Amino acid sequence: MLRRPTFWSVTLAIVVGMVLFRVKYEVIALEQHDTRLKKEIHANKDAIHILKTELTHLNDPKSLQHFTQKYLTELKPVSSGQLITFHDMAGSNTLPKAHATKESPQTNALDAYVAEFAAEASEGIDA
């Protein structure tokens, strides 16, 4: 028959062995997780580096000039006929409601200008 101190010593050894076994596998799992995170961080840093390099290349003036010539061939400078003054724009919107039914000289001028602009724009599209 086992004595009490021997029984408790064997029981304590078994419990400590089980705890150490469990801790060992938890540490292994955490190390694997750490390794995966480090690989992911490294991959993300590489991707950021590549994206910064591409952005630098795309923002290069020579590259921008190339893209402008390739994709914006139909773009032309703004002509003075395309511009109207703020007074012309605000003329029809700032009329009091009592005068809204009457046609004022400002409204007629604005309507004529808009019609002329539309005609020029449609000629530009057809050409």
N, C-alpha and C. Protein backbone atom coordinates (compact mmCIF):
# COMPACT_ATOMS: atom_id res chain seq x y z
N MET A 1 0.82 -1.15 0.00
CA MET A 1 0.00 0.00 0.00
C MET A 1 0.88 1.25 0.00
N LEU A 2 0.44 2.24 -0.77
CA LEU A 2 1.20 3.48 -0.87
C LEU A 2 0.95 4.36 0.34
N ARG A 3 1.97 4.98 0.75
CA ARG A 3 1.80 5.92 1.84
C ARG A 3 1.26 7.23 1.29
N ARG A 4 0.76 8.05 2.16
CA ARG A 4 0.18 9.31 1.75
C ARG A 4 1.18 10.22 1.05
N PRO A 5 2.37 10.46 1.55
CA PRO A 5 3.29 11.36 0.86
C PRO A 5 3.64 10.85 -0.54
N THR A 6 3.75 9.59 -0.72
CA THR A 6 4.05 9.04 -2.03
C THR A 6 2.87 9.26 -2.97
N PHE A 7 1.66 9.03 -2.51
CA PHE A 7 0.44 9.24 -3.31
C PHE A 7 0.35 10.70 -3.75
N TRP A 8 0.56 11.62 -2.82
CA TRP A 8 0.45 13.04 -3.17
C TRP A 8 1.60 13.47 -4.10
N SER A 9 2.73 12.91 -3.96
CA SER A 9 3.86 13.23 -4.84
C SER A 9 3.59 12.76 -6.27
N VAL A 10 3.07 11.56 -6.40
CA VAL A 10 2.75 11.03 -7.73
C VAL A 10 1.61 11.83 -8.35
N THR A 11 0.60 12.15 -7.57
CA THR A 11 -0.53 12.95 -8.08
C THR A 11 -0.05 14.33 -8.52
N LEU A 12 0.78 14.98 -7.71
CA LEU A 12 1.31 16.29 -8.05
C LEU A 12 2.16 16.21 -9.32
N ALA A 13 2.96 15.18 -9.49
CA ALA A 13 3.78 15.02 -10.68
C ALA A 13 2.90 14.86 -11.93
N ILE A 14 1.83 14.11 -11.81
CA ILE A 14 0.92 13.92 -12.95
C ILE A 14 0.24 15.24 -13.32
N VAL A 15 -0.26 15.98 -12.32
CA VAL A 15 -0.94 17.26 -12.57
C VAL A 15 0.03 18.25 -13.20
N VAL A 16 1.24 18.35 -12.65
CA VAL A 16 2.23 19.27 -13.21
C VAL A 16 2.59 18.86 -14.64
N GLY A 17 2.72 17.58 -14.90
CA GLY A 17 3.01 17.10 -16.25
C GLY A 17 1.91 17.48 -17.23
N MET A 18 0.65 17.35 -16.82
CA MET A 18 -0.47 17.70 -17.70
C MET A 18 -0.50 19.20 -17.97
N VAL A 19 -0.25 20.01 -16.93
CA VAL A 19 -0.24 21.47 -17.11
C VAL A 19 0.89 21.87 -18.05
N LEU A 20 2.06 21.31 -17.87
CA LEU A 20 3.18 21.63 -18.75
C LEU A 20 2.91 21.19 -20.19
N PHE A 21 2.28 20.05 -20.35
CA PHE A 21 1.91 19.57 -21.68
C PHE A 21 0.98 20.56 -22.37
N ARG A 22 -0.04 21.03 -21.63
CA ARG A 22 -1.00 21.98 -22.19
C ARG A 22 -0.34 23.31 -22.51
N VAL A 23 0.50 23.81 -21.62
CA VAL A 23 1.18 25.09 -21.84
C VAL A 23 2.10 24.99 -23.05
N LYS A 24 2.77 23.84 -23.22
CA LYS A 24 3.67 23.66 -24.34
C LYS A 24 2.93 23.81 -25.67
N TYR A 25 1.77 23.18 -25.80
CA TYR A 25 1.02 23.25 -27.05
C TYR A 25 0.37 24.61 -27.27
N GLU A 26 0.03 25.32 -26.19
CA GLU A 26 -0.47 26.69 -26.34
C GLU A 26 0.64 27.60 -26.85
N VAL A 27 1.85 27.43 -26.35
CA VAL A 27 2.98 28.22 -26.81
C VAL A 27 3.27 27.93 -28.27
N ILE A 28 3.21 26.68 -28.67
CA ILE A 28 3.45 26.32 -30.08
C ILE A 28 2.39 26.99 -30.97
N ALA A 29 1.14 26.96 -30.55
CA ALA A 29 0.06 27.58 -31.33
C ALA A 29 0.27 29.09 -31.43
N LEU A 30 0.67 29.73 -30.34
CA LEU A 30 0.90 31.18 -30.36
C LEU A 30 2.11 31.53 -31.24
N GLU A 31 3.13 30.70 -31.23
CA GLU A 31 4.29 30.95 -32.10
C GLU A 31 3.91 30.83 -33.57
N GLN A 32 3.07 29.85 -33.89
CA GLN A 32 2.61 29.72 -35.28
C GLN A 32 1.77 30.92 -35.70
N HIS A 33 0.91 31.39 -34.80
CA HIS A 33 0.10 32.57 -35.08
C HIS A 33 0.99 33.79 -35.28
N ASP A 34 2.00 33.93 -34.43
CA ASP A 34 2.95 35.04 -34.54
C ASP A 34 3.69 34.99 -35.88
N THR A 35 4.10 33.82 -36.29
CA THR A 35 4.80 33.66 -37.57
C THR A 35 3.91 34.06 -38.74
N ARG A 36 2.63 33.62 -38.69
CA ARG A 36 1.69 34.01 -39.76
C ARG A 36 1.50 35.52 -39.80
N LEU A 37 1.36 36.15 -38.63
CA LEU A 37 1.17 37.61 -38.59
C LEU A 37 2.39 38.34 -39.13
N LYS A 38 3.59 37.86 -38.79
CA LYS A 38 4.81 38.49 -39.30
C LYS A 38 4.89 38.39 -40.82
N LYS A 39 4.51 37.23 -41.37
CA LYS A 39 4.51 37.06 -42.83
C LYS A 39 3.50 38.01 -43.48
N GLU A 40 2.32 38.13 -42.87
CA GLU A 40 1.29 39.01 -43.40
C GLU A 40 1.73 40.47 -43.34
N ILE A 41 2.36 40.87 -42.24
CA ILE A 41 2.86 42.24 -42.12
C ILE A 41 3.93 42.51 -43.17
N HIS A 42 4.81 41.56 -43.38
CA HIS A 42 5.86 41.72 -44.39
C HIS A 42 5.25 41.83 -45.79
N ALA A 43 4.25 41.02 -46.08
CA ALA A 43 3.59 41.08 -47.39
C ALA A 43 2.88 42.43 -47.57
N ASN A 44 2.24 42.93 -46.52
CA ASN A 44 1.57 44.22 -46.61
C ASN A 44 2.57 45.36 -46.79
N LYS A 45 3.71 45.29 -46.12
CA LYS A 45 4.75 46.31 -46.31
C LYS A 45 5.27 46.29 -47.74
N ASP A 46 5.45 45.10 -48.29
CA ASP A 46 5.89 45.00 -49.69
C ASP A 46 4.84 45.60 -50.63
N ALA A 47 3.57 45.31 -50.38
CA ALA A 47 2.50 45.85 -51.22
C ALA A 47 2.45 47.37 -51.13
N ILE A 48 2.61 47.91 -49.93
CA ILE A 48 2.62 49.37 -49.76
C ILE A 48 3.80 49.98 -50.51
N HIS A 49 4.94 49.33 -50.42
CA HIS A 49 6.12 49.83 -51.13
C HIS A 49 5.89 49.84 -52.64
N ILE A 50 5.30 48.79 -53.17
CA ILE A 50 5.01 48.71 -54.60
C ILE A 50 4.00 49.78 -55.00
N LEU A 51 2.96 49.98 -54.20
CA LEU A 51 1.95 50.99 -54.52
C LEU A 51 2.54 52.40 -54.48
N LYS A 52 3.42 52.67 -53.53
CA LYS A 52 4.08 53.98 -53.48
C LYS A 52 4.95 54.20 -54.71
N THR A 53 5.62 53.15 -55.15
CA THR A 53 6.45 53.25 -56.35
C THR A 53 5.59 53.52 -57.57
N GLU A 54 4.47 52.82 -57.69
CA GLU A 54 3.56 53.05 -58.83
C GLU A 54 2.99 54.46 -58.80
N LEU A 55 2.63 54.95 -57.61
CA LEU A 55 2.09 56.30 -57.50
C LEU A 55 3.14 57.33 -57.90
N THR A 56 4.38 57.12 -57.49
CA THR A 56 5.45 58.04 -57.87
C THR A 56 5.62 58.03 -59.39
N HIS A 57 5.57 56.86 -59.99
CA HIS A 57 5.70 56.76 -61.45
C HIS A 57 4.53 57.45 -62.16
N LEU A 58 3.32 57.22 -61.68
CA LEU A 58 2.15 57.81 -62.33
C LEU A 58 2.09 59.32 -62.16
N ASN A 59 2.65 59.85 -61.09
CA ASN A 59 2.65 61.30 -60.86
C ASN A 59 3.85 62.00 -61.49
N ASP A 60 4.70 61.26 -62.15
CA ASP A 60 5.84 61.84 -62.85
C ASP A 60 5.31 62.72 -64.00
N PRO A 61 5.84 63.93 -64.17
CA PRO A 61 5.33 64.81 -65.23
C PRO A 61 5.38 64.19 -66.62
N LYS A 62 6.42 63.42 -66.94
CA LYS A 62 6.50 62.79 -68.26
C LYS A 62 5.38 61.76 -68.43
N SER A 63 5.11 61.01 -67.37
CA SER A 63 4.05 60.02 -67.42
C SER A 63 2.68 60.69 -67.56
N LEU A 64 2.49 61.78 -66.82
CA LEU A 64 1.22 62.52 -66.92
C LEU A 64 1.04 63.09 -68.32
N GLN A 65 2.12 63.58 -68.92
CA GLN A 65 2.04 64.11 -70.29
C GLN A 65 1.66 63.00 -71.26
N HIS A 66 2.23 61.82 -71.07
CA HIS A 66 1.91 60.68 -71.95
C HIS A 66 0.43 60.31 -71.84
N PHE A 67 -0.07 60.21 -70.60
CA PHE A 67 -1.48 59.87 -70.41
C PHE A 67 -2.40 60.96 -70.94
N THR A 68 -1.99 62.20 -70.80
CA THR A 68 -2.80 63.31 -71.32
C THR A 68 -2.90 63.21 -72.84
N GLN A 69 -1.79 62.97 -73.49
CA GLN A 69 -1.82 62.85 -74.95
C GLN A 69 -2.59 61.61 -75.41
N LYS A 70 -2.55 60.57 -74.62
CA LYS A 70 -3.21 59.32 -75.02
C LYS A 70 -4.72 59.36 -74.80
N TYR A 71 -5.17 59.89 -73.63
CA TYR A 71 -6.57 59.78 -73.27
C TYR A 71 -7.37 61.08 -73.37
N LEU A 72 -6.72 62.21 -73.40
CA LEU A 72 -7.43 63.48 -73.41
C LEU A 72 -7.21 64.22 -74.72
N THR A 73 -7.32 63.52 -75.83
CA THR A 73 -7.06 64.13 -77.14
C THR A 73 -8.17 65.10 -77.54
N GLU A 74 -9.37 64.90 -77.06
CA GLU A 74 -10.50 65.75 -77.44
C GLU A 74 -10.62 66.99 -76.56
N LEU A 75 -9.78 67.11 -75.55
CA LEU A 75 -9.84 68.23 -74.64
C LEU A 75 -9.23 69.46 -75.30
N LYS A 76 -9.94 70.57 -75.25
CA LYS A 76 -9.47 71.82 -75.86
C LYS A 76 -9.53 72.92 -74.81
N PRO A 77 -8.76 73.99 -75.01
CA PRO A 77 -8.82 75.10 -74.06
C PRO A 77 -10.20 75.74 -74.05
N VAL A 78 -10.53 76.36 -72.95
CA VAL A 78 -11.83 77.03 -72.81
C VAL A 78 -11.80 78.30 -73.62
N SER A 79 -12.84 78.49 -74.43
CA SER A 79 -12.93 79.74 -75.20
C SER A 79 -13.78 80.74 -74.44
N SER A 80 -13.63 82.00 -74.81
CA SER A 80 -14.37 83.05 -74.10
C SER A 80 -15.87 82.92 -74.33
N GLY A 81 -16.29 82.30 -75.42
CA GLY A 81 -17.71 82.12 -75.68
C GLY A 81 -18.37 81.12 -74.74
N GLN A 82 -17.58 80.33 -74.04
CA GLN A 82 -18.12 79.35 -73.11
C GLN A 82 -18.36 79.94 -71.73
N LEU A 83 -17.93 81.16 -71.50
CA LEU A 83 -18.02 81.76 -70.18
C LEU A 83 -19.16 82.78 -70.13
N ILE A 84 -19.84 82.84 -69.01
CA ILE A 84 -20.82 83.89 -68.77
C ILE A 84 -20.50 84.51 -67.42
N THR A 85 -20.99 85.69 -67.19
CA THR A 85 -20.71 86.38 -65.94
C THR A 85 -21.68 85.93 -64.86
N PHE A 86 -21.31 86.21 -63.64
CA PHE A 86 -22.19 85.87 -62.52
C PHE A 86 -23.48 86.68 -62.62
N HIS A 87 -23.38 87.90 -63.09
CA HIS A 87 -24.57 88.75 -63.22
C HIS A 87 -25.57 88.11 -64.18
N ASP A 88 -25.07 87.54 -65.27
CA ASP A 88 -25.96 86.89 -66.23
C ASP A 88 -26.63 85.66 -65.61
N MET A 89 -25.88 84.91 -64.82
CA MET A 89 -26.44 83.71 -64.18
C MET A 89 -27.45 84.09 -63.11
N ALA A 90 -27.17 85.10 -62.35
CA ALA A 90 -28.03 85.47 -61.24
C ALA A 90 -29.23 86.27 -61.70
N GLY A 91 -29.22 86.78 -62.91
CA GLY A 91 -30.30 87.63 -63.40
C GLY A 91 -31.64 86.95 -63.38
N SER A 92 -31.77 85.74 -63.83
CA SER A 92 -33.06 85.07 -63.89
C SER A 92 -33.47 84.49 -62.55
N ASN A 93 -32.51 84.18 -61.66
CA ASN A 93 -32.83 83.55 -60.38
C ASN A 93 -33.15 84.56 -59.28
N THR A 94 -32.78 85.82 -59.47
CA THR A 94 -32.96 86.79 -58.39
C THR A 94 -34.19 87.67 -58.60
N LEU A 95 -35.01 87.37 -59.57
CA LEU A 95 -36.21 88.16 -59.78
C LEU A 95 -37.20 87.92 -58.65
N PRO A 96 -37.86 88.97 -58.17
CA PRO A 96 -38.91 88.76 -57.16
C PRO A 96 -40.04 87.92 -57.74
N LYS A 97 -40.77 87.24 -56.87
CA LYS A 97 -41.85 86.36 -57.33
C LYS A 97 -42.96 87.14 -58.04
N ALA A 98 -43.18 88.39 -57.67
CA ALA A 98 -44.22 89.19 -58.31
C ALA A 98 -43.86 89.48 -59.76
N HIS A 99 -42.58 89.58 -60.06
CA HIS A 99 -42.14 89.87 -61.42
C HIS A 99 -41.76 88.62 -62.19
N ALA A 100 -41.93 87.48 -61.61
CA ALA A 100 -41.49 86.24 -62.26
C ALA A 100 -42.31 85.95 -63.51
N THR A 101 -43.53 86.39 -63.55
CA THR A 101 -44.36 86.11 -64.73
C THR A 101 -44.03 87.05 -65.87
N LYS A 102 -43.53 88.25 -65.56
CA LYS A 102 -43.17 89.20 -66.62
C LYS A 102 -41.78 88.87 -67.14
N GLU A 103 -41.59 89.05 -68.41
CA GLU A 103 -40.28 88.83 -68.99
C GLU A 103 -39.50 90.12 -68.89
N SER A 104 -38.34 90.06 -68.28
CA SER A 104 -37.49 91.24 -68.15
C SER A 104 -36.42 91.21 -69.23
N PRO A 105 -35.75 92.33 -69.49
CA PRO A 105 -34.66 92.34 -70.48
C PRO A 105 -33.53 91.39 -70.09
N GLN A 106 -33.29 91.25 -68.79
CA GLN A 106 -32.24 90.34 -68.35
C GLN A 106 -32.57 88.90 -68.73
N THR A 107 -33.82 88.50 -68.53
CA THR A 107 -34.23 87.15 -68.84
C THR A 107 -34.13 86.90 -70.34
N ASN A 108 -34.56 87.87 -71.16
CA ASN A 108 -34.47 87.70 -72.61
C ASN A 108 -33.02 87.58 -73.06
N ALA A 109 -32.13 88.38 -72.48
CA ALA A 109 -30.71 88.33 -72.85
C ALA A 109 -30.12 86.98 -72.44
N LEU A 110 -30.47 86.53 -71.27
CA LEU A 110 -29.96 85.25 -70.80
C LEU A 110 -30.47 84.10 -71.66
N ASP A 111 -31.76 84.13 -72.00
CA ASP A 111 -32.31 83.09 -72.87
C ASP A 111 -31.63 83.07 -74.23
N ALA A 112 -31.37 84.26 -74.78
CA ALA A 112 -30.70 84.34 -76.08
C ALA A 112 -29.29 83.80 -75.98
N TYR A 113 -28.62 84.13 -74.89
CA TYR A 113 -27.25 83.65 -74.70
C TYR A 113 -27.21 82.14 -74.54
N VAL A 114 -28.16 81.60 -73.79
CA VAL A 114 -28.21 80.16 -73.59
C VAL A 114 -28.50 79.46 -74.91
N ALA A 115 -29.41 80.00 -75.72
CA ALA A 115 -29.72 79.41 -77.02
C ALA A 115 -28.51 79.44 -77.94
N GLU A 116 -27.78 80.55 -77.92
CA GLU A 116 -26.57 80.66 -78.74
C GLU A 116 -25.51 79.66 -78.28
N PHE A 117 -25.37 79.54 -76.96
CA PHE A 117 -24.40 78.60 -76.41
C PHE A 117 -24.77 77.16 -76.78
N ALA A 118 -26.04 76.81 -76.69
CA ALA A 118 -26.49 75.47 -77.03
C ALA A 118 -26.23 75.16 -78.50
N ALA A 119 -26.44 76.17 -79.35
CA ALA A 119 -26.21 75.96 -80.78
C ALA A 119 -24.73 75.73 -81.05
N GLU A 120 -23.87 76.54 -80.41
CA GLU A 120 -22.43 76.35 -80.58
C GLU A 120 -21.98 75.00 -80.05
N ALA A 121 -22.54 74.59 -78.92
CA ALA A 121 -22.16 73.32 -78.32
C ALA A 121 -22.58 72.15 -79.21
N SER A 122 -23.77 72.24 -79.79
CA SER A 122 -24.21 71.15 -80.65
C SER A 122 -23.41 71.11 -81.94
N GLU A 123 -22.96 72.25 -82.45
CA GLU A 123 -22.09 72.26 -83.62
C GLU A 123 -20.76 71.60 -83.29
N GLY A 124 -20.25 71.87 -82.07
CA GLY A 124 -18.98 71.27 -81.64
C GLY A 124 -19.07 69.77 -81.50
N ILE A 125 -20.23 69.28 -81.06
CA ILE A 125 -20.42 67.85 -80.90
C ILE A 125 -20.53 67.16 -82.25
N ASP A 126 -21.24 67.79 -83.17
CA ASP A 126 -21.44 67.20 -84.50
C ASP A 126 -20.16 67.19 -85.31
N ALA A 127 -19.28 68.14 -85.07
CA ALA A 127 -18.06 68.26 -85.88
C ALA A 127 -17.07 67.16 -85.61
